[in-house]
Amino acid sequence: MEVDCQLIDYAQMLAPDCELTSPIQLTPSHIDPTSSFMAFPALAKHSLCAIRLRFELLRRLNVILSDCLPLVNFDRVHPDSFAHLLGSHRGLIFHTTKFEFIYDILDKTSYVGPQPTVSLDRLKLAAKKDRAPMSLENSIAHTAFGIAFNQLKSTQPAHYRQKKPGGTEPHFSIKIVFKGENVQGEGGPYRQFFTDVSKELQGILPFFIPCPNAQQGLGENRDKWVLSPNVTTPLMLQMLEFLGRLFGLTIRTGAMLILDLPPIFWKPLVGIHPVFADLMQVDESVCRTLKYVAECSPEELERDIDETFTTVLSDKSRVPLMKNGHNVKVVESNRQEYVALVEKTRLEESYPLIAALRRGLADIIPLQLLNLCTWRDLEWKVCGESRVDSFDSVLEYSKNLAATLDASSCEETQGLAGFLSAIGAVFAIFFANA
């Protein structure tokens, strides 16, 4: 399965380079991932002939699915249904295959009627943001997101689903009016609104916080943000539903929210439960601790671990893992239970917020369609293609090359190794603060 998924990802990357609109148009002779093994390491274990034959099998599967998807009942998701089978193997479906079908459904569920309007005075907003502490009340009154939430909260969900114009006409679900600005056309304000909201979401609004790795200066993905698990007041959940609607608008209209969010956020949105590796990407410290608690000797456990059945969430709040958990000490007989409860609690800490986002998404996009999407598909449609994975691959490659050169006895190659290590460090600092 890993080989197939990496082959699908490789084909989707290759198609635009070959000036093709879909990987379905590729032929086996196009497939030669030998220069891309760094990004797709599972493919390196197989011969080129085997990879090409496997690609042709996947390509023909997608050709058949292009015709079959409109016939599938996606409301039936029991384990024996074809919809469940597709969802379980969603990673084998080309992005273009599934979204040609999805956009056909979105067109059929669109609306022709009055367009919702948001009116913003960005000059006043900028002045208020500079001098006002961003309490909850201020986040509603003094941000583009909050103002749009207030102005649109009584809007019928169907009105967001504006029908896409024919031809090359731009597609806008809501009309954005910038007061006091001489703006021509609707496209600029519409895209700028989503840009402004992106900055607010990863800045002054309370919904997202830097991930624990960023807070602790530890591990990878320090540029990532996660949901703040305790923003669960009724008003906060209503605003998250509105954010879910904005996610849906990006899918329908092609606008982008510029957000740095990890797989642990995207996976539950498409109905996939995150796993321990996803937690490791955002909180390396707690994962290392859990591994130690699970694997250390009884003597090491008694000597080094002084914990109760509580855990610290991403916002640094401490919660019990069971009733009276503060009074239950971790000992040899219960340590595996402790590890399992911490992992479950941390992986699911934002589920009430995810549920609110999905309710908002469901107003704009039929949720059944998300069962076809991988987490990368959704991230791509909401935020655009991620640049982080490719950067991480380049950085890892530079580290490996530097280590190889450093092991050489040649003075010149050792000097080049030092140069590569320095360049890698500079780029790591740049991207961490971008």
Protein backbone atom coordinates (compact mmCIF):
# COMPACT_ATOMS: atom_id res chain seq x y z
CA MET A 1 0.00 0.00 0.00
CA GLU A 2 2.85 2.41 0.84
CA VAL A 3 4.47 1.74 -2.54
CA ASP A 4 1.17 2.35 -4.35
CA CYS A 5 0.51 5.58 -2.46
CA GLN A 6 4.01 6.88 -3.19
CA LEU A 7 3.61 5.89 -6.84
CA ILE A 8 0.33 7.82 -6.98
CA ASP A 9 2.02 10.86 -5.39
CA TYR A 10 4.91 10.60 -7.83
CA ALA A 11 2.55 10.38 -10.84
CA GLN A 12 0.59 13.41 -9.62
CA MET A 13 3.84 15.36 -9.33
CA LEU A 14 5.02 14.16 -12.75
CA ALA A 15 1.90 14.93 -14.81
CA PRO A 16 2.22 18.77 -14.75
CA ASP A 17 5.93 18.46 -15.61
CA CYS A 18 4.85 16.53 -18.71
CA GLU A 19 2.27 19.24 -19.50
CA LEU A 20 -0.57 16.81 -18.83
CA THR A 21 -3.74 17.63 -16.88
CA SER A 22 -4.06 14.22 -15.22
CA PRO A 23 -1.83 11.24 -14.35
CA ILE A 24 -4.31 9.13 -16.33
CA GLN A 25 -2.70 10.61 -19.45
CA LEU A 26 0.75 9.32 -18.49
CA THR A 27 2.17 6.24 -20.16
CA PRO A 28 4.52 3.72 -18.51
CA SER A 29 7.43 5.21 -20.47
CA HIS A 30 6.91 8.49 -18.58
CA ILE A 31 7.52 6.71 -15.28
CA ASP A 32 11.14 6.88 -14.13
CA PRO A 33 11.37 7.83 -10.45
CA THR A 34 15.07 7.08 -10.08
CA SER A 35 15.82 10.78 -9.64
CA SER A 36 13.02 11.09 -7.06
CA PHE A 37 13.89 8.23 -4.69
CA MET A 38 14.71 10.77 -1.99
CA ALA A 39 11.09 11.94 -1.93
CA PHE A 40 9.61 8.48 -2.63
CA PRO A 41 11.91 6.00 -0.84
CA ALA A 42 9.51 3.03 -1.06
CA LEU A 43 9.89 3.05 -4.85
CA ALA A 44 13.66 2.56 -4.58
CA LYS A 45 13.11 -1.04 -3.41
CA HIS A 46 11.61 -2.12 -6.76
CA SER A 47 12.85 -2.42 -10.32
CA LEU A 48 11.84 0.17 -12.89
CA CYS A 49 9.94 -2.50 -14.83
CA ALA A 50 7.91 -3.48 -11.76
CA ILE A 51 7.15 0.17 -10.97
CA ARG A 52 5.94 0.85 -14.51
CA LEU A 53 3.72 -2.23 -14.53
CA ARG A 54 2.26 -1.25 -11.16
CA PHE A 55 1.60 2.27 -12.39
CA GLU A 56 -0.26 0.96 -15.43
CA LEU A 57 -2.45 -1.14 -13.13
CA LEU A 58 -3.21 1.92 -10.98
CA ARG A 59 -3.82 4.07 -14.05
CA ARG A 60 -6.35 1.61 -15.45
CA LEU A 61 -8.04 1.41 -12.05
CA ASN A 62 -8.51 5.19 -12.17
CA VAL A 63 -9.86 5.04 -15.73
CA ILE A 64 -12.53 2.60 -14.54
CA LEU A 65 -13.28 4.68 -11.42
CA SER A 66 -13.82 7.78 -13.55
CA ASP A 67 -16.85 6.06 -15.02
CA CYS A 68 -17.95 4.25 -11.84
CA LEU A 69 -17.87 6.99 -9.19
CA PRO A 70 -21.19 8.60 -10.26
CA LEU A 71 -22.88 5.22 -9.69
CA VAL A 72 -21.68 4.77 -6.08
CA ASN A 73 -24.06 5.37 -3.17
CA PHE A 74 -21.80 7.25 -0.75
CA ASP A 75 -24.51 7.31 1.93
CA ARG A 76 -23.93 3.59 2.45
CA VAL A 77 -20.66 3.29 4.34
CA HIS A 78 -21.09 -0.03 6.16
CA PRO A 79 -18.00 -2.30 6.00
CA ASP A 80 -19.35 -4.36 3.07
CA SER A 81 -20.25 -1.36 0.88
CA PHE A 82 -18.32 -0.22 -2.18
CA ALA A 83 -18.23 3.31 -0.72
CA HIS A 84 -16.43 1.95 2.34
CA LEU A 85 -14.00 0.06 0.12
CA LEU A 86 -13.22 3.24 -1.82
CA GLY A 87 -12.73 5.20 1.39
CA SER A 88 -10.36 2.56 2.73
CA HIS A 89 -8.26 2.81 -0.46
CA ARG A 90 -8.68 6.53 -1.15
CA GLY A 91 -4.92 6.93 -1.48
CA LEU A 92 -4.99 4.91 -4.71
CA ILE A 93 -7.30 7.35 -6.49
CA PHE A 94 -5.69 10.18 -8.45
CA HIS A 95 -6.45 13.65 -7.16
CA THR A 96 -7.83 14.64 -10.56
CA THR A 97 -10.01 11.51 -10.78
CA LYS A 98 -11.77 12.16 -7.51
CA PHE A 99 -12.08 15.94 -7.93
CA GLU A 100 -13.54 15.74 -11.43
CA PHE A 101 -16.33 13.73 -9.79
CA ILE A 102 -16.50 15.98 -6.70
CA TYR A 103 -16.77 19.19 -8.71
CA ASP A 104 -19.55 17.68 -10.78
CA ILE A 105 -21.46 17.05 -7.53
CA LEU A 106 -20.67 20.55 -6.27
CA ASP A 107 -22.07 22.02 -9.48
CA LYS A 108 -25.26 20.00 -9.06
CA THR A 109 -25.63 21.19 -5.45
CA SER A 110 -24.95 24.86 -6.25
CA TYR A 111 -27.36 27.77 -5.81
CA VAL A 112 -28.54 30.56 -8.08
CA GLY A 113 -29.66 33.57 -6.10
CA PRO A 114 -28.57 36.56 -3.99
CA GLN A 115 -24.88 36.61 -3.14
CA PRO A 116 -23.94 37.18 0.54
CA THR A 117 -21.94 40.38 1.09
CA VAL A 118 -19.29 41.30 3.68
CA SER A 119 -18.36 44.95 4.15
CA LEU A 120 -14.98 45.71 5.74
CA ASP A 121 -13.15 48.93 6.65
CA ARG A 122 -9.62 47.57 6.60
CA LEU A 123 -8.01 50.90 7.55
CA LYS A 124 -9.99 51.09 10.78
CA LEU A 125 -9.36 47.43 11.45
CA ALA A 126 -5.60 47.91 11.14
CA ALA A 127 -5.66 50.82 13.59
CA LYS A 128 -7.72 48.89 16.15
CA LYS A 129 -5.57 45.77 15.90
CA ASP A 130 -2.47 47.83 16.69
CA ARG A 131 -3.80 49.25 19.95
CA ALA A 132 -6.38 46.76 21.22
CA PRO A 133 -5.56 43.58 23.13
CA MET A 134 -7.27 40.76 21.27
CA SER A 135 -9.84 39.48 23.75
CA LEU A 136 -12.69 37.32 22.49
CA GLU A 137 -14.88 40.38 22.08
CA ASN A 138 -12.15 42.21 20.16
CA SER A 139 -11.53 39.20 17.94
CA ILE A 140 -15.13 39.43 16.82
CA ALA A 141 -15.31 43.19 16.45
CA HIS A 142 -11.80 43.99 15.21
CA THR A 143 -10.89 41.22 12.74
CA ALA A 144 -12.00 40.48 9.21
CA PHE A 145 -12.93 36.96 10.35
CA GLY A 146 -15.03 38.20 13.26
CA ILE A 147 -16.81 40.86 11.21
CA ALA A 148 -17.59 38.38 8.45
CA PHE A 149 -18.89 35.94 11.08
CA ASN A 150 -21.23 38.58 12.50
CA GLN A 151 -22.46 39.76 9.11
CA LEU A 152 -23.01 36.26 7.70
CA LYS A 153 -24.14 34.23 10.72
CA SER A 154 -27.82 34.44 9.72
CA THR A 155 -27.11 33.63 6.06
CA GLN A 156 -28.72 30.46 4.76
CA PRO A 157 -26.04 27.85 3.97
CA ALA A 158 -27.36 27.38 0.42
CA HIS A 159 -26.51 31.01 -0.39
CA TYR A 160 -22.79 30.25 0.04
CA ARG A 161 -23.00 27.61 -2.67
CA GLN A 162 -23.08 30.07 -5.56
CA LYS A 163 -23.12 28.45 -8.99
CA LYS A 164 -19.86 28.67 -10.88
CA PRO A 165 -20.12 30.95 -13.92
CA GLY A 166 -19.54 29.47 -17.35
CA GLY A 167 -16.31 29.87 -19.28
CA THR A 168 -13.37 31.58 -17.61
CA GLU A 169 -15.42 33.90 -15.39
CA PRO A 170 -14.08 34.02 -11.80
CA HIS A 171 -16.06 32.23 -9.11
CA PHE A 172 -16.94 34.05 -5.87
CA SER A 173 -19.23 32.66 -3.18
CA ILE A 174 -19.45 35.91 -1.23
CA LYS A 175 -18.96 39.51 -2.26
CA ILE A 176 -16.28 41.39 -0.31
CA VAL A 177 -16.54 45.18 -0.16
CA PHE A 178 -13.56 47.21 1.10
CA LYS A 179 -14.84 50.55 2.34
CA GLY A 180 -12.81 53.59 1.33
CA GLU A 181 -10.66 51.67 -1.12
CA ASN A 182 -10.89 52.27 -4.84
CA VAL A 183 -10.85 48.61 -5.86
CA GLN A 184 -11.77 47.51 -9.36
CA GLY A 185 -13.47 44.13 -9.73
CA GLU A 186 -14.37 41.50 -7.14
CA GLY A 187 -11.45 39.08 -7.45
CA GLY A 188 -8.85 41.14 -5.58
CA PRO A 189 -10.95 41.80 -2.45
CA TYR A 190 -12.19 38.19 -2.40
CA ARG A 191 -8.68 36.73 -2.41
CA GLN A 192 -7.37 39.41 -0.03
CA PHE A 193 -10.13 38.58 2.46
CA PHE A 194 -8.90 34.98 2.67
CA THR A 195 -5.30 36.19 3.01
CA ASP A 196 -6.27 38.55 5.85
CA VAL A 197 -8.23 35.80 7.61
CA SER A 198 -5.23 33.46 7.31
CA LYS A 199 -2.99 35.96 9.10
CA GLU A 200 -5.60 36.42 11.84
CA LEU A 201 -6.05 32.68 12.36
CA GLN A 202 -2.31 32.15 12.88
CA GLY A 203 -1.82 35.30 14.86
CA ILE A 204 -4.42 37.11 16.92
CA LEU A 205 -7.45 34.81 16.92
CA PRO A 206 -7.66 32.20 19.71
CA PHE A 207 -8.40 29.08 17.66
CA PHE A 208 -4.87 28.02 16.71
CA ILE A 209 -1.65 27.96 18.72
CA PRO A 210 1.93 26.98 17.81
CA CYS A 211 2.36 23.21 18.15
CA PRO A 212 4.19 21.89 21.26
CA ASN A 213 7.36 21.32 19.23
CA ALA A 214 7.37 25.04 18.41
CA GLN A 215 6.61 26.00 22.01
CA GLN A 216 9.49 23.86 23.28
CA GLY A 217 11.94 24.48 20.42
CA LEU A 218 12.19 20.71 19.95
CA GLY A 219 11.88 18.36 17.01
CA GLU A 220 10.54 19.03 13.53
CA ASN A 221 7.52 20.92 12.16
CA ARG A 222 8.04 23.92 14.41
CA ASP A 223 6.24 26.03 11.84
CA LYS A 224 3.01 24.07 12.39
CA TRP A 225 -0.05 25.26 14.32
CA VAL A 226 -2.67 23.14 16.08
CA LEU A 227 -6.15 23.77 17.41
CA SER A 228 -6.24 25.14 20.95
CA PRO A 229 -8.18 22.33 22.64
CA ASN A 230 -10.09 24.40 25.19
CA VAL A 231 -11.77 27.00 22.95
CA THR A 232 -15.07 25.17 23.39
CA THR A 233 -17.55 27.85 24.47
CA PRO A 234 -20.76 27.92 22.40
CA LEU A 235 -19.64 31.12 20.66
CA MET A 236 -16.22 29.66 19.84
CA LEU A 237 -17.80 26.55 18.36
CA GLN A 238 -20.15 28.70 16.26
CA MET A 239 -17.14 30.61 14.94
CA LEU A 240 -15.37 27.34 14.15
CA GLU A 241 -18.44 26.23 12.20
CA PHE A 242 -18.07 29.46 10.23
CA LEU A 243 -14.41 28.64 9.63
CA GLY A 244 -15.55 25.25 8.33
CA ARG A 245 -17.78 27.09 5.88
CA LEU A 246 -14.80 29.15 4.73
CA PHE A 247 -12.91 25.89 4.17
CA GLY A 248 -15.80 24.78 2.01
CA LEU A 249 -15.71 28.05 0.04
CA THR A 250 -12.03 27.53 -0.76
CA ILE A 251 -12.86 24.11 -2.22
CA ARG A 252 -15.75 25.46 -4.27
CA THR A 253 -14.10 28.63 -5.57
CA GLY A 254 -10.33 28.02 -5.55
CA ALA A 255 -9.50 30.74 -3.01
CA MET A 256 -6.73 29.77 -0.59
CA LEU A 257 -6.22 30.05 3.16
CA ILE A 258 -2.51 30.26 3.92
CA LEU A 259 -2.25 27.99 6.96
CA ASP A 260 0.50 25.70 8.30
CA LEU A 261 -1.45 22.82 9.81
CA PRO A 262 -0.19 19.24 10.40
CA PRO A 263 -1.75 15.87 9.46
CA ILE A 264 -3.15 15.51 13.01
CA PHE A 265 -5.50 18.39 12.08
CA TRP A 266 -6.44 17.34 8.54
CA LYS A 267 -6.94 13.60 9.06
CA PRO A 268 -10.05 13.69 11.29
CA LEU A 269 -11.63 16.25 8.95
CA VAL A 270 -11.70 13.55 6.25
CA GLY A 271 -12.71 10.81 8.67
CA ILE A 272 -9.26 9.30 9.27
CA HIS A 273 -8.13 8.71 12.85
CA PRO A 274 -4.63 10.13 13.50
CA VAL A 275 -1.93 7.80 14.83
CA PHE A 276 1.05 8.01 17.17
CA ALA A 277 3.37 9.15 14.34
CA ASP A 278 1.10 12.17 13.77
CA LEU A 279 1.42 13.14 17.44
CA MET A 280 5.19 12.74 17.19
CA GLN A 281 5.24 15.33 14.39
CA VAL A 282 3.84 18.02 16.67
CA ASP A 283 4.83 16.91 20.21
CA GLU A 284 8.07 14.96 20.20
CA SER A 285 8.62 15.44 23.92
CA VAL A 286 5.48 13.64 25.08
CA CYS A 287 6.04 10.85 22.53
CA ARG A 288 9.57 10.24 23.77
CA THR A 289 8.27 10.14 27.34
CA LEU A 290 5.53 7.66 26.42
CA LYS A 291 8.02 5.40 24.65
CA TYR A 292 10.27 5.47 27.70
CA VAL A 293 7.42 4.71 30.11
CA ALA A 294 6.30 1.81 27.89
CA GLU A 295 9.75 0.26 27.41
CA CYS A 296 11.87 1.05 30.49
CA SER A 297 12.66 -1.50 33.17
CA PRO A 298 10.63 -1.58 36.42
CA GLU A 299 13.63 -0.14 38.24
CA GLU A 300 13.95 2.74 35.75
CA LEU A 301 10.23 3.39 35.96
CA GLU A 302 10.32 3.70 39.73
CA ARG A 303 13.46 5.86 39.63
CA ASP A 304 12.65 8.22 36.74
CA ILE A 305 8.87 8.50 36.40
CA ASP A 306 6.89 10.51 38.90
CA GLU A 307 3.59 10.89 37.04
CA THR A 308 -0.09 10.54 37.82
CA PHE A 309 -2.92 9.67 35.45
CA THR A 310 -3.02 13.17 33.96
CA THR A 311 -1.60 14.68 30.79
CA VAL A 312 -0.78 18.12 29.44
CA LEU A 313 -2.60 19.22 26.27
CA SER A 314 -1.22 21.40 23.48
CA ASP A 315 -2.32 24.58 25.29
CA LYS A 316 -0.41 23.45 28.43
CA SER A 317 -3.58 22.71 30.38
CA ARG A 318 -3.47 19.55 32.49
CA VAL A 319 -6.41 17.14 32.36
CA PRO A 320 -7.14 13.85 34.18
CA LEU A 321 -7.09 10.63 32.19
CA MET A 322 -9.66 8.98 34.46
CA LYS A 323 -11.78 9.83 37.47
CA ASN A 324 -9.48 11.07 40.27
CA GLY A 325 -6.55 10.66 37.88
CA HIS A 326 -4.53 13.24 39.84
CA ASN A 327 -4.37 10.74 42.71
CA VAL A 328 -3.45 7.64 40.69
CA LYS A 329 0.32 7.17 40.40
CA VAL A 330 1.92 5.51 37.38
CA VAL A 331 3.47 2.21 38.48
CA GLU A 332 4.55 -1.02 36.84
CA SER A 333 1.07 -2.59 36.89
CA ASN A 334 -0.70 0.31 35.14
CA ARG A 335 1.95 1.94 32.98
CA GLN A 336 0.69 0.47 29.67
CA GLU A 337 -2.81 1.71 30.49
CA TYR A 338 -1.33 5.15 31.19
CA VAL A 339 0.52 5.21 27.87
CA ALA A 340 -2.62 4.19 25.95
CA LEU A 341 -4.79 6.80 27.70
CA VAL A 342 -2.30 9.62 27.13
CA GLU A 343 -1.98 8.73 23.44
CA LYS A 344 -5.77 8.55 23.01
CA THR A 345 -6.39 11.80 24.89
CA ARG A 346 -3.73 13.72 22.97
CA LEU A 347 -4.81 12.40 19.56
CA GLU A 348 -8.43 13.30 20.29
CA GLU A 349 -7.93 16.50 22.29
CA SER A 350 -9.43 18.69 19.55
CA TYR A 351 -12.25 16.40 18.40
CA PRO A 352 -15.06 18.71 19.65
CA LEU A 353 -13.49 21.51 17.58
CA ILE A 354 -13.03 19.22 14.56
CA ALA A 355 -16.73 18.29 14.85
CA ALA A 356 -17.65 21.99 14.66
CA LEU A 357 -15.45 22.48 11.59
CA ARG A 358 -17.08 19.47 9.92
CA ARG A 359 -20.55 20.86 10.64
CA GLY A 360 -19.55 24.04 8.85
CA LEU A 361 -17.97 22.12 5.98
CA ALA A 362 -21.17 20.08 5.63
CA ASP A 363 -23.11 23.28 4.89
CA ILE A 364 -20.96 23.82 1.79
CA ILE A 365 -19.63 20.38 0.77
CA PRO A 366 -21.47 17.05 1.07
CA LEU A 367 -19.45 15.31 3.78
CA GLN A 368 -19.77 11.96 2.03
CA LEU A 369 -17.40 13.29 -0.63
CA LEU A 370 -14.65 13.76 1.96
CA ASN A 371 -14.54 9.96 2.35
CA LEU A 372 -12.79 9.96 -1.04
CA CYS A 373 -10.17 12.48 0.05
CA THR A 374 -6.84 11.88 1.72
CA TRP A 375 -5.73 14.47 4.23
CA ARG A 376 -3.32 15.80 1.60
CA ASP A 377 -6.20 16.25 -0.86
CA LEU A 378 -8.07 18.44 1.61
CA GLU A 379 -4.98 20.41 2.59
CA TRP A 380 -4.22 20.97 -1.10
CA LYS A 381 -7.72 22.29 -1.83
CA VAL A 382 -7.90 24.55 1.23
CA CYS A 383 -4.32 25.79 1.47
CA GLY A 384 -2.64 24.93 -1.82
CA GLU A 385 0.17 22.47 -2.36
CA SER A 386 2.43 22.23 0.65
CA ARG A 387 6.07 23.25 0.30
CA VAL A 388 7.21 21.83 3.64
CA ASP A 389 7.62 18.18 2.68
CA SER A 390 9.83 19.05 -0.25
CA PHE A 391 11.93 21.33 1.96
CA ASP A 392 12.28 18.63 4.61
CA SER A 393 13.41 16.20 1.90
CA VAL A 394 16.02 18.65 0.61
CA LEU A 395 17.24 19.31 4.14
CA GLU A 396 17.48 15.58 4.91
CA TYR A 397 19.34 15.01 1.63
CA SER A 398 21.80 17.79 2.43
CA LYS A 399 22.41 16.28 5.89
CA ASN A 400 23.07 12.83 4.43
CA LEU A 401 25.36 14.23 1.74
CA ALA A 402 27.21 16.32 4.32
CA ALA A 403 27.74 13.24 6.50
CA THR A 404 29.07 11.27 3.54
CA LEU A 405 31.45 14.02 2.53
CA ASP A 406 32.57 14.58 6.10
CA ALA A 407 33.58 10.92 6.36
CA SER A 408 35.89 11.40 3.40
CA SER A 409 39.62 11.81 3.99
CA CYS A 410 39.80 14.54 1.33
CA GLU A 411 40.20 17.99 2.85
CA GLU A 412 38.19 19.65 0.07
CA THR A 413 35.18 17.36 0.50
CA GLN A 414 35.25 17.87 4.27
CA GLY A 415 35.13 21.61 3.67
CA LEU A 416 32.15 21.16 1.36
CA ALA A 417 30.45 19.08 4.05
CA GLY A 418 30.78 21.98 6.49
CA PHE A 419 29.37 24.36 3.88
CA LEU A 420 26.33 22.09 3.24
CA SER A 421 25.66 21.77 6.97
CA ALA A 422 25.78 25.55 7.38
CA ILE A 423 23.43 26.12 4.42
CA GLY A 424 21.02 23.53 5.82
CA ALA A 425 21.02 25.27 9.21
CA VAL A 426 20.35 28.67 7.62
CA PHE A 427 17.40 27.34 5.62
CA ALA A 428 16.04 25.54 8.69
CA ILE A 429 16.04 28.82 10.63
CA PHE A 430 14.49 30.68 7.69
CA PHE A 431 11.60 28.23 7.23
CA ALA A 432 11.01 27.92 10.98
CA ASN A 433 10.44 31.68 11.14
CA ALA A 434 8.71 32.14 7.77
